[in-house]
């Protein structure tokens, strides 16, 4: 960022010339890193395409533009809509914050179909709501997810399925932190081809190996 800068401070024992030389060496190395440490970002379409083409699983795709930990609503529908339009199979998405949709799923009950409208409700950056016939596949009261030794509350949660996509809906706005976000509701992210999480840096590896990770750019995803 052009508004930010950096300095190198070297503390020496009397030998100032040696300290100056070392500071210069480290400073030149620091400057040489400019533009090389930015992670690769994908548009939603390119990220989904890369995930489908990658010959391994699971692929974890982070949606940092809709990260509740950074103040976003966590109800943007851009990536989910593209998954639905492309008929992607073996995918999990979460969390989408929609307390009203959760309550309707509890009224409908597990195993039943529901003409649902969810997501896309808080503001222009949320995108348009998803209107679809869904199957309620999981319900649980007073859920939580782990973040190291801590527990983050998710409130009442519901899982719905649209085609080959399973979606975790939550009542308490939160970002994706732990596996429980999905496993609370009977969704096993380790068995999926693609896992989309509303988070920035918490795209955890669901298995012992590190998954392929991709991210959507803030400008494009929203």
Protein backbone atom coordinates (compact mmCIF):
# COMPACT_ATOMS: atom_id res chain seq x y z
CA UNK A 1 0.00 0.00 0.00
CA UNK A 2 1.48 3.39 -0.95
CA UNK A 3 0.36 4.91 2.38
CA UNK A 4 2.47 2.46 4.36
CA UNK A 5 6.23 2.20 4.76
CA UNK A 6 8.79 0.24 6.70
CA UNK A 7 12.06 0.70 8.55
CA UNK A 8 14.87 -1.61 9.52
CA UNK A 9 16.36 -1.14 12.99
CA UNK A 10 19.61 -2.86 13.91
CA UNK A 11 20.93 -2.68 17.49
CA UNK A 12 24.71 -3.09 17.73
CA UNK A 13 27.29 -3.10 20.50
CA UNK A 14 29.46 -0.07 19.60
CA UNK A 15 30.25 -1.05 15.97
CA UNK A 16 28.00 1.47 14.18
CA UNK A 17 29.55 0.94 10.76
CA UNK A 18 28.81 -2.77 10.91
CA UNK A 19 25.28 -2.03 12.05
CA UNK A 20 24.73 0.44 9.20
CA UNK A 21 25.95 -2.14 6.69
CA UNK A 22 23.68 -4.82 8.11
CA UNK A 23 20.66 -2.48 8.14
CA UNK A 24 21.32 -1.59 4.51
CA UNK A 25 21.62 -5.25 3.53
CA UNK A 26 18.39 -6.21 5.31
CA UNK A 27 16.64 -3.09 3.94
CA UNK A 28 17.59 -3.93 0.36
CA UNK A 29 16.32 -7.47 0.82
CA UNK A 30 13.10 -6.10 2.30
CA UNK A 31 12.56 -3.73 -0.65
CA UNK A 32 13.27 -6.54 -3.13
CA UNK A 33 10.25 -8.42 -1.74
CA UNK A 34 7.86 -5.68 -2.88
CA UNK A 35 5.07 -7.11 -5.01
CA UNK A 36 6.19 -10.70 -4.46
CA UNK A 37 4.39 -11.63 -1.24
CA UNK A 38 0.80 -10.96 -2.32
CA UNK A 39 -1.18 -14.24 -2.41
CA UNK A 40 -2.85 -15.21 -5.67
CA UNK A 41 -6.48 -14.14 -5.81
CA UNK A 42 -9.20 -15.52 -8.08
CA UNK A 43 -12.52 -14.19 -9.29
CA UNK A 44 -15.40 -16.43 -8.14
CA UNK A 45 -15.66 -17.99 -11.61
CA UNK A 46 -11.93 -18.63 -11.90
CA UNK A 47 -11.73 -19.97 -8.34
CA UNK A 48 -14.55 -22.43 -8.96
CA UNK A 49 -12.98 -23.46 -12.25
CA UNK A 50 -9.60 -24.06 -10.60
CA UNK A 51 -11.26 -26.12 -7.86
CA UNK A 52 -13.13 -28.30 -10.35
CA UNK A 53 -10.01 -28.83 -12.44
CA UNK A 54 -7.78 -29.69 -9.48
CA UNK A 55 -7.30 -33.43 -9.36
CA UNK A 56 -7.52 -33.88 -5.60
CA UNK A 57 -9.86 -33.04 -2.75
CA UNK A 58 -10.89 -31.23 -0.75
CA UNK A 59 -10.23 -27.79 -2.19
CA UNK A 60 -10.85 -24.99 0.33
CA UNK A 61 -12.00 -21.72 -1.22
CA UNK A 62 -12.10 -18.68 1.06
CA UNK A 63 -14.52 -15.78 0.54
CA UNK A 64 -12.67 -12.99 2.40
CA UNK A 65 -14.99 -10.28 1.05
CA UNK A 66 -17.86 -11.70 3.11
CA UNK A 67 -15.93 -12.51 6.28
CA UNK A 68 -17.99 -11.74 9.40
CA UNK A 69 -14.73 -11.47 11.36
CA UNK A 70 -13.98 -8.36 9.32
CA UNK A 71 -17.46 -6.88 9.73
CA UNK A 72 -19.15 -8.29 6.61
CA UNK A 73 -22.71 -9.69 6.84
CA UNK A 74 -21.75 -13.25 5.84
CA UNK A 75 -24.82 -13.57 3.62
CA UNK A 76 -23.38 -12.81 0.18
CA UNK A 77 -24.66 -15.22 -2.47
CA UNK A 78 -22.24 -14.58 -5.37
CA UNK A 79 -20.17 -17.75 -5.10
CA UNK A 80 -23.10 -19.97 -4.13
CA UNK A 81 -25.15 -18.74 -7.07
CA UNK A 82 -22.34 -19.61 -9.47
CA UNK A 83 -21.98 -23.06 -7.90
CA UNK A 84 -25.70 -23.67 -8.43
CA UNK A 85 -25.63 -22.37 -12.01
CA UNK A 86 -22.68 -24.63 -12.84
CA UNK A 87 -24.31 -27.66 -11.19
CA UNK A 88 -21.24 -28.25 -9.03
CA UNK A 89 -21.32 -31.54 -7.14
CA UNK A 90 -19.81 -32.54 -3.78
CA UNK A 91 -19.59 -28.98 -2.45
CA UNK A 92 -20.17 -27.47 0.99
CA UNK A 93 -20.69 -23.76 1.72
CA UNK A 94 -20.80 -21.94 5.03
CA UNK A 95 -21.64 -20.11 7.04
CA UNK A 96 -24.48 -18.12 5.57
CA UNK A 97 -26.08 -15.93 8.22
CA UNK A 98 -29.86 -16.02 7.89
CA UNK A 99 -31.80 -16.48 11.16
CA UNK A 100 -35.16 -16.33 9.37
CA UNK A 101 -34.22 -19.13 6.98
CA UNK A 102 -33.00 -21.21 9.92
CA UNK A 103 -36.31 -20.78 11.72
CA UNK A 104 -38.25 -21.78 8.61
CA UNK A 105 -36.11 -24.90 8.28
CA UNK A 106 -36.97 -25.87 11.86
CA UNK A 107 -40.66 -25.33 11.07
CA UNK A 108 -40.32 -27.48 7.96
CA UNK A 109 -38.40 -30.25 9.78
CA UNK A 110 -35.53 -32.43 8.70
CA UNK A 111 -35.87 -34.51 5.54
CA UNK A 112 -38.51 -32.34 3.94
CA UNK A 113 -38.37 -30.05 0.91
CA UNK A 114 -38.87 -26.32 1.31
CA UNK A 115 -39.27 -23.49 -1.24
CA UNK A 116 -36.69 -21.23 0.42
CA UNK A 117 -35.36 -17.72 0.03
CA UNK A 118 -32.08 -17.20 1.88
CA UNK A 119 -29.00 -14.97 1.90
CA UNK A 120 -28.67 -11.66 0.09
CA UNK A 121 -30.72 -9.71 2.63
CA UNK A 122 -28.54 -7.24 4.53
CA UNK A 123 -27.53 -4.78 1.82
CA UNK A 124 -26.33 -4.23 -1.76
CA UNK A 125 -23.03 -6.02 -1.09
CA UNK A 126 -24.98 -9.16 -0.09
CA UNK A 127 -26.08 -9.86 -3.65
CA UNK A 128 -29.57 -11.12 -4.44
CA UNK A 129 -31.30 -13.77 -2.30
CA UNK A 130 -31.24 -17.37 -3.47
CA UNK A 131 -34.71 -18.67 -4.36
CA UNK A 132 -34.69 -22.45 -4.67
CA UNK A 133 -36.38 -25.65 -3.65
CA UNK A 134 -34.13 -27.05 -0.94
CA UNK A 135 -34.04 -30.19 1.16
CA UNK A 136 -33.53 -29.70 4.91
CA UNK A 137 -30.79 -32.18 5.81
CA UNK A 138 -29.74 -31.06 9.28
CA UNK A 139 -31.04 -29.14 12.30
CA UNK A 140 -29.39 -28.39 15.63
CA UNK A 141 -30.05 -25.96 18.49
CA UNK A 142 -27.40 -23.84 20.23
CA UNK A 143 -24.46 -24.82 18.05
CA UNK A 144 -20.85 -23.77 18.47
CA UNK A 145 -17.58 -24.15 16.62
CA UNK A 146 -14.06 -24.40 17.99
CA UNK A 147 -11.29 -21.84 17.55
CA UNK A 148 -8.33 -23.42 19.28
CA UNK A 149 -9.38 -23.93 22.92
CA UNK A 150 -12.21 -21.40 22.59
CA UNK A 151 -15.79 -21.99 21.48
CA UNK A 152 -17.61 -19.57 19.19
CA UNK A 153 -21.44 -19.66 19.34
CA UNK A 154 -23.41 -20.16 16.14
CA UNK A 155 -26.92 -20.28 17.59
CA UNK A 156 -29.54 -22.51 16.04
CA UNK A 157 -28.29 -23.91 12.73
CA UNK A 158 -29.74 -25.64 9.71
CA UNK A 159 -28.25 -27.47 6.75
CA UNK A 160 -29.92 -27.46 3.36
CA UNK A 161 -29.10 -29.17 0.08
CA UNK A 162 -29.51 -27.82 -3.44
CA UNK A 163 -28.45 -30.41 -5.98
CA UNK A 164 -24.92 -31.44 -5.04
CA UNK A 165 -24.32 -28.47 -2.72
CA UNK A 166 -24.80 -28.56 1.06
CA UNK A 167 -25.10 -25.23 2.88
CA UNK A 168 -24.71 -24.39 6.57
CA UNK A 169 -27.11 -21.65 7.74
CA UNK A 170 -26.47 -19.98 11.10
CA UNK A 171 -28.40 -17.72 13.49
CA UNK A 172 -25.48 -15.98 15.23
CA UNK A 173 -23.31 -14.12 12.74
CA UNK A 174 -19.82 -15.58 12.76
CA UNK A 175 -17.05 -16.56 10.39
CA UNK A 176 -15.88 -20.06 9.56
CA UNK A 177 -13.49 -21.23 12.28
CA UNK A 178 -13.86 -24.94 13.02
CA UNK A 179 -15.05 -28.17 11.48
CA UNK A 180 -18.09 -28.12 13.78
CA UNK A 181 -19.62 -25.45 11.51
CA UNK A 182 -20.41 -28.35 9.18
CA UNK A 183 -20.21 -31.49 11.32
CA UNK A 184 -22.84 -30.11 13.77
CA UNK A 185 -25.30 -30.61 10.92
CA UNK A 186 -24.09 -33.93 9.56
CA UNK A 187 -22.00 -32.42 6.74
CA UNK A 188 -18.54 -33.96 6.38
CA UNK A 189 -16.30 -31.37 4.67
CA UNK A 190 -13.51 -33.94 4.39
CA UNK A 191 -15.63 -35.90 1.92
CA UNK A 192 -16.28 -32.90 -0.36
CA UNK A 193 -14.60 -31.87 -3.57
CA UNK A 194 -14.98 -28.16 -2.74
CA UNK A 195 -15.49 -26.39 0.60
CA UNK A 196 -16.31 -22.66 0.47
CA UNK A 197 -15.83 -20.82 3.75
CA UNK A 198 -16.79 -17.29 4.71
CA UNK A 199 -13.43 -16.41 6.19
CA UNK A 200 -10.08 -14.82 5.43
CA UNK A 201 -7.38 -16.87 7.10
CA UNK A 202 -9.25 -19.78 8.62
CA UNK A 203 -9.45 -22.01 5.56
CA UNK A 204 -8.31 -24.96 7.68
CA UNK A 205 -7.09 -28.22 6.14
CA UNK A 206 -9.99 -30.66 6.75
CA UNK A 207 -7.64 -33.65 6.37
CA UNK A 208 -4.10 -34.43 7.39
CA UNK A 209 -2.80 -33.04 4.10
CA UNK A 210 -2.90 -29.42 3.06
CA UNK A 211 -5.68 -28.74 0.58
CA UNK A 212 -5.51 -26.56 -2.50
CA UNK A 213 -6.59 -23.07 -1.40
CA UNK A 214 -8.02 -20.27 -3.48
CA UNK A 215 -9.50 -16.90 -2.63
CA UNK A 216 -11.91 -14.52 -4.26
CA UNK A 217 -10.96 -10.88 -4.55
CA UNK A 218 -12.94 -8.43 -2.46
CA UNK A 219 -13.90 -6.29 -5.45
CA UNK A 220 -15.11 -9.15 -7.60
CA UNK A 221 -16.83 -11.34 -5.02
CA UNK A 222 -19.10 -8.53 -3.86
